[in-house]
């Protein structure tokens, strides 16, 4: 994959326009324009940074958090049930949460302690293209958390 992307960047640098399809959002991050197709329809198209600022991705009164801890899957089960947690997804050894502004780090830490997770690094993050994908998909099929 790395060699393929090196070739694509070389061609792009020579002025060649490329149309790439991928399910890997880290690959989509490398593109100058990204379009999301859902059920054979183009839902949105734009620069990755612009798509990350869409209102559906950043609902008013919310913020995104990265929570890194041991036993992330056990933690995920707990935080998904908490009031004020809109979405929770595993990313490696951490969770990415979309929470309402009133959800505090202390509240999250207390919930995690209930399942034996005594240490957690919690920090604010911006949305990723994966978050854009999830928000657009949920918005187009009526699903919730």
N, C-alpha and C. Protein backbone atom coordinates (compact mmCIF):
# COMPACT_ATOMS: atom_id res chain seq x y z
N UNK A 1 0.83 -1.20 0.00
CA UNK A 1 0.00 0.00 0.00
C UNK A 1 0.86 1.25 0.00
N UNK A 2 1.97 1.21 0.73
CA UNK A 2 2.84 2.39 0.82
C UNK A 2 3.40 2.74 -0.57
N UNK A 3 3.85 1.71 -1.31
CA UNK A 3 4.39 1.96 -2.65
C UNK A 3 3.31 2.52 -3.58
N UNK A 4 2.10 2.01 -3.45
CA UNK A 4 1.00 2.51 -4.28
C UNK A 4 0.76 3.99 -4.00
N UNK A 5 0.73 4.37 -2.72
CA UNK A 5 0.49 5.77 -2.39
C UNK A 5 1.66 6.65 -2.82
N UNK A 6 2.89 6.14 -2.75
CA UNK A 6 4.03 6.91 -3.26
C UNK A 6 3.85 7.19 -4.75
N UNK A 7 3.39 6.19 -5.49
CA UNK A 7 3.15 6.36 -6.93
C UNK A 7 2.02 7.36 -7.16
N UNK A 8 0.96 7.27 -6.39
CA UNK A 8 -0.16 8.19 -6.54
C UNK A 8 0.27 9.63 -6.27
N UNK A 9 1.07 9.85 -5.22
CA UNK A 9 1.55 11.19 -4.92
C UNK A 9 2.46 11.71 -6.04
N UNK A 10 3.28 10.83 -6.60
CA UNK A 10 4.16 11.23 -7.71
C UNK A 10 3.33 11.67 -8.91
N UNK A 11 2.33 10.90 -9.26
CA UNK A 11 1.47 11.26 -10.38
C UNK A 11 0.70 12.55 -10.11
N UNK A 12 0.19 12.68 -8.89
CA UNK A 12 -0.53 13.90 -8.52
C UNK A 12 0.37 15.12 -8.62
N UNK A 13 1.62 14.95 -8.21
CA UNK A 13 2.59 16.03 -8.28
C UNK A 13 2.87 16.47 -9.71
N UNK A 14 2.62 15.59 -10.66
CA UNK A 14 2.81 15.91 -12.08
C UNK A 14 1.54 16.46 -12.72
N UNK A 15 0.51 16.70 -11.88
CA UNK A 15 -0.71 17.30 -12.40
C UNK A 15 -1.78 16.30 -12.82
N UNK A 16 -1.55 15.02 -12.56
CA UNK A 16 -2.54 14.01 -12.92
C UNK A 16 -3.64 13.99 -11.87
N UNK A 17 -4.89 14.02 -12.34
CA UNK A 17 -6.03 13.90 -11.44
C UNK A 17 -6.34 12.43 -11.26
N UNK A 18 -6.50 12.02 -10.01
CA UNK A 18 -6.75 10.62 -9.69
C UNK A 18 -8.06 10.47 -8.95
N UNK A 19 -8.76 9.41 -9.26
CA UNK A 19 -9.98 9.05 -8.53
C UNK A 19 -9.67 7.77 -7.78
N UNK A 20 -9.68 7.84 -6.45
CA UNK A 20 -9.30 6.71 -5.61
C UNK A 20 -10.50 6.34 -4.75
N UNK A 21 -10.78 5.06 -4.64
CA UNK A 21 -11.81 4.61 -3.72
C UNK A 21 -11.15 3.79 -2.61
N UNK A 22 -11.56 4.04 -1.37
CA UNK A 22 -10.98 3.33 -0.24
C UNK A 22 -11.97 3.31 0.91
N UNK A 23 -11.85 2.30 1.73
CA UNK A 23 -12.61 2.22 2.98
C UNK A 23 -11.74 2.64 4.16
N UNK A 24 -10.48 2.94 3.90
CA UNK A 24 -9.54 3.31 4.96
C UNK A 24 -9.47 4.83 5.07
N UNK A 25 -9.97 5.33 6.18
CA UNK A 25 -10.03 6.78 6.34
C UNK A 25 -8.65 7.41 6.47
N UNK A 26 -7.65 6.66 6.95
CA UNK A 26 -6.29 7.21 7.00
C UNK A 26 -5.77 7.44 5.58
N UNK A 27 -6.21 6.63 4.63
CA UNK A 27 -5.83 6.86 3.24
C UNK A 27 -6.59 8.06 2.68
N UNK A 28 -7.85 8.18 3.02
CA UNK A 28 -8.65 9.31 2.55
C UNK A 28 -8.09 10.64 3.04
N UNK A 29 -7.46 10.64 4.22
CA UNK A 29 -6.85 11.86 4.78
C UNK A 29 -5.78 12.42 3.84
N UNK A 30 -5.21 11.57 3.00
CA UNK A 30 -4.13 11.99 2.10
C UNK A 30 -4.65 12.68 0.84
N UNK A 31 -5.94 12.63 0.62
CA UNK A 31 -6.52 13.16 -0.61
C UNK A 31 -6.87 14.64 -0.46
N UNK A 32 -6.86 15.36 -1.58
CA UNK A 32 -7.20 16.79 -1.54
C UNK A 32 -8.70 17.01 -1.49
N UNK A 33 -9.47 16.09 -2.05
CA UNK A 33 -10.94 16.14 -2.01
C UNK A 33 -11.44 14.75 -1.63
N UNK A 34 -12.48 14.70 -0.80
CA UNK A 34 -13.05 13.43 -0.37
C UNK A 34 -14.56 13.48 -0.60
N UNK A 35 -15.07 12.44 -1.17
CA UNK A 35 -16.52 12.30 -1.33
C UNK A 35 -16.99 11.07 -0.59
N UNK A 36 -18.13 11.20 0.07
CA UNK A 36 -18.73 10.06 0.76
C UNK A 36 -19.94 9.61 -0.03
N UNK A 37 -19.93 8.33 -0.38
CA UNK A 37 -21.03 7.73 -1.12
C UNK A 37 -21.74 6.77 -0.17
N UNK A 38 -23.06 6.92 -0.07
CA UNK A 38 -23.85 6.05 0.78
C UNK A 38 -25.07 5.59 -0.01
N UNK A 39 -25.25 4.28 -0.08
CA UNK A 39 -26.35 3.70 -0.86
C UNK A 39 -26.40 4.28 -2.27
N UNK A 40 -25.24 4.30 -2.90
CA UNK A 40 -25.08 4.74 -4.29
C UNK A 40 -25.31 6.22 -4.52
N UNK A 41 -25.36 7.02 -3.45
CA UNK A 41 -25.57 8.46 -3.60
C UNK A 41 -24.40 9.21 -2.99
N UNK A 42 -23.95 10.24 -3.70
CA UNK A 42 -22.91 11.11 -3.16
C UNK A 42 -23.54 11.99 -2.08
N UNK A 43 -23.12 11.79 -0.85
CA UNK A 43 -23.70 12.50 0.29
C UNK A 43 -23.05 13.86 0.46
N UNK A 44 -21.72 13.91 0.33
CA UNK A 44 -20.98 15.15 0.51
C UNK A 44 -19.63 15.01 -0.18
N UNK A 45 -19.08 16.15 -0.58
CA UNK A 45 -17.76 16.16 -1.21
C UNK A 45 -17.05 17.44 -0.79
N UNK A 46 -15.77 17.33 -0.46
CA UNK A 46 -15.02 18.52 -0.08
C UNK A 46 -13.64 18.17 0.44
N UNK A 47 -12.92 19.20 0.85
CA UNK A 47 -11.59 19.00 1.43
C UNK A 47 -11.75 18.33 2.80
N UNK A 48 -10.83 17.43 3.16
CA UNK A 48 -10.95 16.73 4.45
C UNK A 48 -11.16 17.66 5.64
N UNK A 49 -10.40 18.76 5.72
CA UNK A 49 -10.55 19.67 6.86
C UNK A 49 -11.92 20.34 6.88
N UNK A 50 -12.47 20.63 5.70
CA UNK A 50 -13.81 21.24 5.64
C UNK A 50 -14.87 20.24 6.07
N UNK A 51 -14.73 18.99 5.67
CA UNK A 51 -15.71 17.97 6.05
C UNK A 51 -15.72 17.76 7.56
N UNK A 52 -14.56 17.88 8.19
CA UNK A 52 -14.47 17.70 9.65
C UNK A 52 -15.17 18.82 10.41
N UNK A 53 -15.48 19.91 9.73
CA UNK A 53 -16.16 21.04 10.38
C UNK A 53 -17.67 21.05 10.14
N UNK A 54 -18.20 20.07 9.43
CA UNK A 54 -19.63 20.02 9.16
C UNK A 54 -20.43 19.98 10.46
N UNK A 55 -21.57 20.67 10.51
CA UNK A 55 -22.39 20.66 11.72
C UNK A 55 -22.84 19.26 12.17
N UNK A 56 -23.09 18.36 11.22
CA UNK A 56 -23.49 17.01 11.61
C UNK A 56 -22.36 16.28 12.33
N UNK A 57 -21.14 16.67 12.07
CA UNK A 57 -19.97 16.06 12.71
C UNK A 57 -19.70 16.70 14.07
N UNK A 58 -20.06 17.97 14.20
CA UNK A 58 -19.80 18.73 15.42
C UNK A 58 -21.11 19.33 15.94
N UNK A 59 -21.99 18.49 16.47
CA UNK A 59 -23.28 19.02 16.94
C UNK A 59 -23.06 20.09 18.01
N UNK A 60 -23.86 21.14 18.00
CA UNK A 60 -23.74 22.17 19.03
C UNK A 60 -23.87 21.56 20.43
N UNK A 61 -23.05 22.07 21.34
CA UNK A 61 -23.11 21.60 22.72
C UNK A 61 -22.38 20.30 22.98
N UNK A 62 -21.49 19.91 22.04
CA UNK A 62 -20.72 18.66 22.23
C UNK A 62 -19.23 18.92 22.09
N UNK A 63 -18.46 17.93 22.51
CA UNK A 63 -17.02 17.95 22.31
C UNK A 63 -16.54 16.52 22.16
N UNK A 64 -15.35 16.37 21.59
CA UNK A 64 -14.77 15.05 21.37
C UNK A 64 -13.61 14.83 22.34
N UNK A 65 -13.54 13.59 22.84
CA UNK A 65 -12.48 13.24 23.78
C UNK A 65 -11.81 11.95 23.36
N UNK A 66 -10.52 11.85 23.61
CA UNK A 66 -9.77 10.62 23.48
C UNK A 66 -9.53 10.11 24.90
N UNK A 67 -9.91 8.87 25.16
CA UNK A 67 -9.72 8.26 26.47
C UNK A 67 -8.84 7.04 26.28
N UNK A 68 -7.61 7.12 26.79
CA UNK A 68 -6.67 6.02 26.69
C UNK A 68 -6.58 5.34 28.05
N UNK A 69 -6.78 4.02 28.04
CA UNK A 69 -6.75 3.27 29.29
C UNK A 69 -6.50 1.80 29.02
N UNK A 70 -6.21 1.06 30.08
CA UNK A 70 -6.13 -0.39 29.96
C UNK A 70 -7.56 -0.92 29.84
N UNK A 71 -7.71 -2.09 29.26
CA UNK A 71 -9.02 -2.73 29.15
C UNK A 71 -10.04 -1.83 28.45
N UNK A 72 -9.63 -1.31 27.30
CA UNK A 72 -10.45 -0.34 26.57
C UNK A 72 -11.82 -0.90 26.19
N UNK A 73 -11.91 -2.20 25.91
CA UNK A 73 -13.21 -2.76 25.53
C UNK A 73 -14.17 -2.79 26.71
N UNK A 74 -13.66 -3.06 27.91
CA UNK A 74 -14.51 -3.01 29.11
C UNK A 74 -14.94 -1.57 29.37
N UNK A 75 -14.03 -0.64 29.19
CA UNK A 75 -14.35 0.78 29.36
C UNK A 75 -15.40 1.23 28.37
N UNK A 76 -15.30 0.74 27.14
CA UNK A 76 -16.26 1.12 26.10
C UNK A 76 -17.68 0.74 26.49
N UNK A 77 -17.84 -0.45 27.04
CA UNK A 77 -19.17 -0.91 27.44
C UNK A 77 -19.77 0.00 28.51
N UNK A 78 -18.92 0.51 29.40
CA UNK A 78 -19.38 1.39 30.47
C UNK A 78 -19.76 2.76 29.91
N UNK A 79 -18.86 3.38 29.16
CA UNK A 79 -19.11 4.76 28.71
C UNK A 79 -20.26 4.85 27.72
N UNK A 80 -20.49 3.80 26.95
CA UNK A 80 -21.61 3.83 26.00
C UNK A 80 -22.96 3.95 26.70
N UNK A 81 -23.04 3.53 27.94
CA UNK A 81 -24.30 3.58 28.69
C UNK A 81 -24.46 4.87 29.49
N UNK A 82 -23.45 5.72 29.51
CA UNK A 82 -23.51 6.92 30.32
C UNK A 82 -24.38 8.01 29.69
N UNK A 83 -25.15 8.70 30.51
CA UNK A 83 -25.90 9.84 29.97
C UNK A 83 -24.92 10.91 29.49
N UNK A 84 -25.22 11.49 28.35
CA UNK A 84 -24.37 12.54 27.81
C UNK A 84 -23.31 12.05 26.85
N UNK A 85 -23.13 10.73 26.73
CA UNK A 85 -22.18 10.17 25.77
C UNK A 85 -22.98 9.82 24.51
N UNK A 86 -22.73 10.55 23.45
CA UNK A 86 -23.49 10.33 22.21
C UNK A 86 -22.94 9.19 21.38
N UNK A 87 -21.60 9.15 21.23
CA UNK A 87 -20.98 8.03 20.52
C UNK A 87 -19.68 7.67 21.22
N UNK A 88 -19.32 6.41 21.11
CA UNK A 88 -18.06 5.91 21.68
C UNK A 88 -17.55 4.80 20.77
N UNK A 89 -16.31 4.95 20.32
CA UNK A 89 -15.71 4.01 19.38
C UNK A 89 -14.28 3.70 19.80
N UNK A 90 -13.85 2.46 19.62
CA UNK A 90 -12.48 2.07 19.94
C UNK A 90 -11.56 2.46 18.80
N UNK A 91 -10.43 3.07 19.14
CA UNK A 91 -9.35 3.40 18.20
C UNK A 91 -8.06 2.89 18.83
N UNK A 92 -7.66 1.66 18.51
CA UNK A 92 -6.46 1.09 19.09
C UNK A 92 -6.63 0.87 20.59
N UNK A 93 -5.76 1.51 21.39
CA UNK A 93 -5.82 1.39 22.84
C UNK A 93 -6.59 2.53 23.49
N UNK A 94 -7.38 3.23 22.70
CA UNK A 94 -8.15 4.34 23.26
C UNK A 94 -9.57 4.32 22.71
N UNK A 95 -10.39 5.16 23.31
CA UNK A 95 -11.76 5.35 22.86
C UNK A 95 -11.90 6.79 22.38
N UNK A 96 -12.65 6.99 21.33
CA UNK A 96 -13.01 8.34 20.89
C UNK A 96 -14.47 8.54 21.25
N UNK A 97 -14.73 9.57 22.02
CA UNK A 97 -16.08 9.85 22.50
C UNK A 97 -16.58 11.18 21.94
N UNK A 98 -17.85 11.22 21.61
CA UNK A 98 -18.55 12.47 21.35
C UNK A 98 -19.48 12.63 22.54
N UNK A 99 -19.22 13.66 23.36
CA UNK A 99 -19.99 13.85 24.59
C UNK A 99 -20.61 15.23 24.62
N UNK A 100 -21.67 15.35 25.38
CA UNK A 100 -22.26 16.66 25.61
C UNK A 100 -21.30 17.45 26.51
N UNK A 101 -21.31 18.76 26.34
CA UNK A 101 -20.35 19.63 27.04
C UNK A 101 -20.34 19.45 28.55
N UNK A 102 -21.46 19.09 29.14
CA UNK A 102 -21.54 18.97 30.60
C UNK A 102 -20.86 17.72 31.14
N UNK A 103 -20.51 16.76 30.29
CA UNK A 103 -19.86 15.52 30.75
C UNK A 103 -18.43 15.85 31.16
N UNK A 104 -18.12 15.63 32.43
CA UNK A 104 -16.80 15.99 32.95
C UNK A 104 -15.85 14.80 32.93
N UNK A 105 -14.56 15.10 32.98
CA UNK A 105 -13.56 14.05 33.08
C UNK A 105 -13.74 13.27 34.37
N UNK A 106 -14.08 13.95 35.45
CA UNK A 106 -14.28 13.27 36.73
C UNK A 106 -15.42 12.25 36.63
N UNK A 107 -16.49 12.62 35.94
CA UNK A 107 -17.63 11.72 35.74
C UNK A 107 -17.19 10.48 34.97
N UNK A 108 -16.41 10.67 33.92
CA UNK A 108 -15.92 9.54 33.12
C UNK A 108 -14.98 8.65 33.93
N UNK A 109 -14.08 9.27 34.68
CA UNK A 109 -13.14 8.50 35.50
C UNK A 109 -13.88 7.66 36.55
N UNK A 110 -14.90 8.23 37.17
CA UNK A 110 -15.67 7.51 38.19
C UNK A 110 -16.37 6.29 37.56
N UNK A 111 -16.91 6.46 36.37
CA UNK A 111 -17.57 5.35 35.68
C UNK A 111 -16.57 4.25 35.33
N UNK A 112 -15.39 4.64 34.89
CA UNK A 112 -14.37 3.65 34.53
C UNK A 112 -13.86 2.91 35.76
N UNK A 113 -13.78 3.59 36.90
CA UNK A 113 -13.35 2.92 38.14
C UNK A 113 -14.30 1.79 38.53
N UNK A 114 -15.55 1.90 38.16
CA UNK A 114 -16.53 0.86 38.47
C UNK A 114 -16.18 -0.49 37.85
N UNK A 115 -15.41 -0.47 36.76
CA UNK A 115 -14.99 -1.73 36.13
C UNK A 115 -13.49 -1.97 36.33
N UNK A 116 -12.92 -1.31 37.32
CA UNK A 116 -11.52 -1.55 37.68
C UNK A 116 -10.49 -0.78 36.89
N UNK A 117 -10.92 0.18 36.09
CA UNK A 117 -9.97 1.00 35.33
C UNK A 117 -9.66 2.23 36.18
N UNK A 118 -8.48 2.20 36.82
CA UNK A 118 -8.13 3.26 37.77
C UNK A 118 -7.34 4.38 37.14
N UNK A 119 -6.75 4.14 35.98
CA UNK A 119 -5.98 5.19 35.31
C UNK A 119 -6.49 5.37 33.88
N UNK A 120 -6.71 6.61 33.52
CA UNK A 120 -7.16 6.94 32.17
C UNK A 120 -6.63 8.30 31.79
N UNK A 121 -6.09 8.40 30.59
CA UNK A 121 -5.65 9.68 30.04
C UNK A 121 -6.79 10.20 29.18
N UNK A 122 -7.35 11.34 29.55
CA UNK A 122 -8.48 11.92 28.84
C UNK A 122 -8.06 13.27 28.29
N UNK A 123 -8.21 13.42 26.96
CA UNK A 123 -7.81 14.69 26.35
C UNK A 123 -8.77 15.04 25.22
N UNK A 124 -8.95 16.34 24.99
CA UNK A 124 -9.81 16.76 23.88
C UNK A 124 -9.14 16.48 22.53
N UNK A 125 -9.94 16.16 21.55
CA UNK A 125 -9.44 15.91 20.19
C UNK A 125 -10.39 16.54 19.18
N UNK A 126 -9.91 16.71 17.98
CA UNK A 126 -10.76 17.15 16.88
C UNK A 126 -11.32 15.94 16.17
N UNK A 127 -12.30 16.15 15.31
CA UNK A 127 -12.87 15.02 14.57
C UNK A 127 -11.92 14.51 13.50
N UNK A 128 -12.03 13.24 13.20
CA UNK A 128 -11.27 12.61 12.13
C UNK A 128 -12.21 12.33 10.96
N UNK A 129 -11.67 11.90 9.84
CA UNK A 129 -12.53 11.51 8.73
C UNK A 129 -13.37 10.29 9.09
N UNK A 130 -12.88 9.48 10.00
CA UNK A 130 -13.68 8.35 10.49
C UNK A 130 -14.93 8.88 11.19
N UNK A 131 -14.76 9.95 11.99
CA UNK A 131 -15.91 10.57 12.65
C UNK A 131 -16.88 11.15 11.63
N UNK A 132 -16.35 11.72 10.55
CA UNK A 132 -17.20 12.25 9.48
C UNK A 132 -18.02 11.11 8.88
N UNK A 133 -17.35 10.02 8.58
CA UNK A 133 -18.01 8.85 8.01
C UNK A 133 -19.14 8.36 8.92
N UNK A 134 -18.84 8.21 10.21
CA UNK A 134 -19.85 7.72 11.16
C UNK A 134 -21.03 8.68 11.24
N UNK A 135 -20.74 9.97 11.35
CA UNK A 135 -21.81 10.97 11.47
C UNK A 135 -22.69 10.98 10.22
N UNK A 136 -22.07 10.94 9.05
CA UNK A 136 -22.85 10.96 7.80
C UNK A 136 -23.65 9.69 7.62
N UNK A 137 -23.08 8.57 7.97
CA UNK A 137 -23.78 7.29 7.83
C UNK A 137 -24.95 7.22 8.80
N UNK A 138 -24.73 7.61 10.04
CA UNK A 138 -25.82 7.59 11.03
C UNK A 138 -26.90 8.57 10.61
N UNK A 139 -26.51 9.71 10.08
CA UNK A 139 -27.47 10.72 9.67
C UNK A 139 -28.32 10.28 8.47
N UNK A 140 -27.78 9.37 7.68
CA UNK A 140 -28.51 8.96 6.47
C UNK A 140 -29.33 7.68 6.63
N UNK A 141 -29.13 6.97 7.73
CA UNK A 141 -29.95 5.78 7.91
C UNK A 141 -30.76 5.81 9.20
N UNK A 142 -30.72 6.95 9.91
CA UNK A 142 -31.57 7.14 11.06
C UNK A 142 -31.13 6.42 12.31
N UNK A 143 -29.92 5.86 12.34
CA UNK A 143 -29.45 5.16 13.53
C UNK A 143 -29.00 6.14 14.58
N UNK A 144 -29.01 5.69 15.80
CA UNK A 144 -28.47 6.46 16.90
C UNK A 144 -27.11 5.94 17.28
N UNK A 145 -26.74 6.04 18.57
CA UNK A 145 -25.45 5.62 19.10
C UNK A 145 -25.16 4.22 18.64
